[in-house]
Protein backbone atom coordinates (compact mmCIF):
# COMPACT_ATOMS: atom_id res chain seq x y z
CA UNK A 1 0.00 0.00 0.00
CA UNK A 2 2.96 2.36 0.37
CA UNK A 3 3.28 2.62 -3.40
CA UNK A 4 -0.37 3.54 -3.83
CA UNK A 5 -0.95 6.80 -5.70
CA UNK A 6 -4.30 8.48 -5.90
CA UNK A 7 -5.60 8.41 -9.47
CA UNK A 8 -6.14 11.72 -11.18
CA UNK A 9 -9.30 11.90 -13.18
CA UNK A 10 -9.00 14.75 -15.61
CA UNK A 11 -10.83 15.21 -18.82
CA UNK A 12 -9.85 17.83 -21.32
CA UNK A 13 -12.97 19.84 -22.03
CA UNK A 14 -13.20 22.71 -24.48
CA UNK A 15 -15.14 25.89 -23.80
CA UNK A 16 -17.86 24.73 -26.19
CA UNK A 17 -18.10 21.35 -24.50
CA UNK A 18 -18.41 23.01 -21.10
CA UNK A 19 -21.32 25.12 -22.37
CA UNK A 20 -23.02 22.00 -23.75
CA UNK A 21 -22.42 19.99 -20.55
CA UNK A 22 -23.81 22.69 -18.25
CA UNK A 23 -26.77 23.30 -20.60
CA UNK A 24 -27.61 19.59 -20.64
CA UNK A 25 -27.25 19.36 -16.84
CA UNK A 26 -29.84 22.15 -16.64
CA UNK A 27 -32.04 20.06 -18.97
CA UNK A 28 -32.21 22.88 -21.50
CA UNK A 29 -32.24 22.58 -25.25
CA UNK A 30 -30.32 25.02 -27.40
CA UNK A 31 -33.67 26.63 -28.24
CA UNK A 32 -34.47 27.02 -24.52
CA UNK A 33 -31.09 28.65 -23.95
CA UNK A 34 -31.54 30.87 -26.99
CA UNK A 35 -34.85 32.13 -25.58
CA UNK A 36 -33.34 32.70 -22.13
CA UNK A 37 -30.33 34.64 -23.43
CA UNK A 38 -31.35 36.23 -26.72
CA UNK A 39 -28.40 34.49 -28.39
CA UNK A 40 -29.43 32.82 -31.65
CA UNK A 41 -29.64 29.02 -31.54
CA UNK A 42 -27.29 28.82 -34.53
CA UNK A 43 -24.72 30.89 -32.59
CA UNK A 44 -25.11 28.62 -29.55
CA UNK A 45 -24.51 25.62 -31.79
CA UNK A 46 -21.38 27.26 -33.20
CA UNK A 47 -20.13 28.04 -29.67
CA UNK A 48 -20.74 24.47 -28.52
CA UNK A 49 -18.86 23.16 -31.53
CA UNK A 50 -15.97 25.59 -30.94
CA UNK A 51 -16.49 27.39 -34.25
CA UNK A 52 -17.28 30.71 -32.54
CA UNK A 53 -15.45 32.10 -29.52
CA UNK A 54 -17.57 32.55 -26.42
CA UNK A 55 -16.40 36.02 -25.39
CA UNK A 56 -16.90 37.76 -22.06
CA UNK A 57 -20.37 39.23 -22.64
CA UNK A 58 -21.80 35.99 -24.01
CA UNK A 59 -20.21 34.08 -21.13
CA UNK A 60 -21.99 36.37 -18.65
CA UNK A 61 -25.33 35.97 -20.43
CA UNK A 62 -24.99 32.20 -20.62
CA UNK A 63 -23.82 31.93 -17.01
CA UNK A 64 -26.90 33.83 -15.79
CA UNK A 65 -29.22 31.58 -17.76
CA UNK A 66 -27.35 28.41 -16.75
CA UNK A 67 -27.03 29.49 -13.10
CA UNK A 68 -23.27 29.07 -12.91
CA UNK A 69 -20.21 31.28 -12.63
CA UNK A 70 -18.85 32.46 -16.01
CA UNK A 71 -15.46 30.91 -15.14
CA UNK A 72 -17.07 27.46 -15.29
CA UNK A 73 -17.73 28.12 -18.97
CA UNK A 74 -14.63 30.12 -19.88
CA UNK A 75 -11.98 28.10 -18.01
CA UNK A 76 -13.23 24.49 -18.04
CA UNK A 77 -9.77 22.92 -17.82
CA UNK A 78 -8.26 25.24 -15.22
CA UNK A 79 -5.80 23.43 -12.99
CA UNK A 80 -4.71 25.71 -10.18
CA UNK A 81 -1.80 23.48 -9.19
CA UNK A 82 -0.40 23.44 -12.73
CA UNK A 83 -1.03 27.16 -13.26
CA UNK A 84 0.64 28.24 -10.01
CA UNK A 85 3.77 26.28 -10.88
CA UNK A 86 4.23 28.30 -14.07
């Protein structure tokens, strides 16, 4: 047991994937989210597929509608330990 190391479970998630994951956890469709934010469904699709950058203002709008902090959407892969070592 001395050689036991705790496993690290890390998944690389893009900004678009984080938007999709949080949206689906809220049980919202893209159309629901479009209505809640005023962002066109086609734009939401492009964001989720990483064809359009999220941007600060859109992140704030989406975060309000998805009831999460904008950082959850903008920095999905943030690793504080790795970032502080830099």
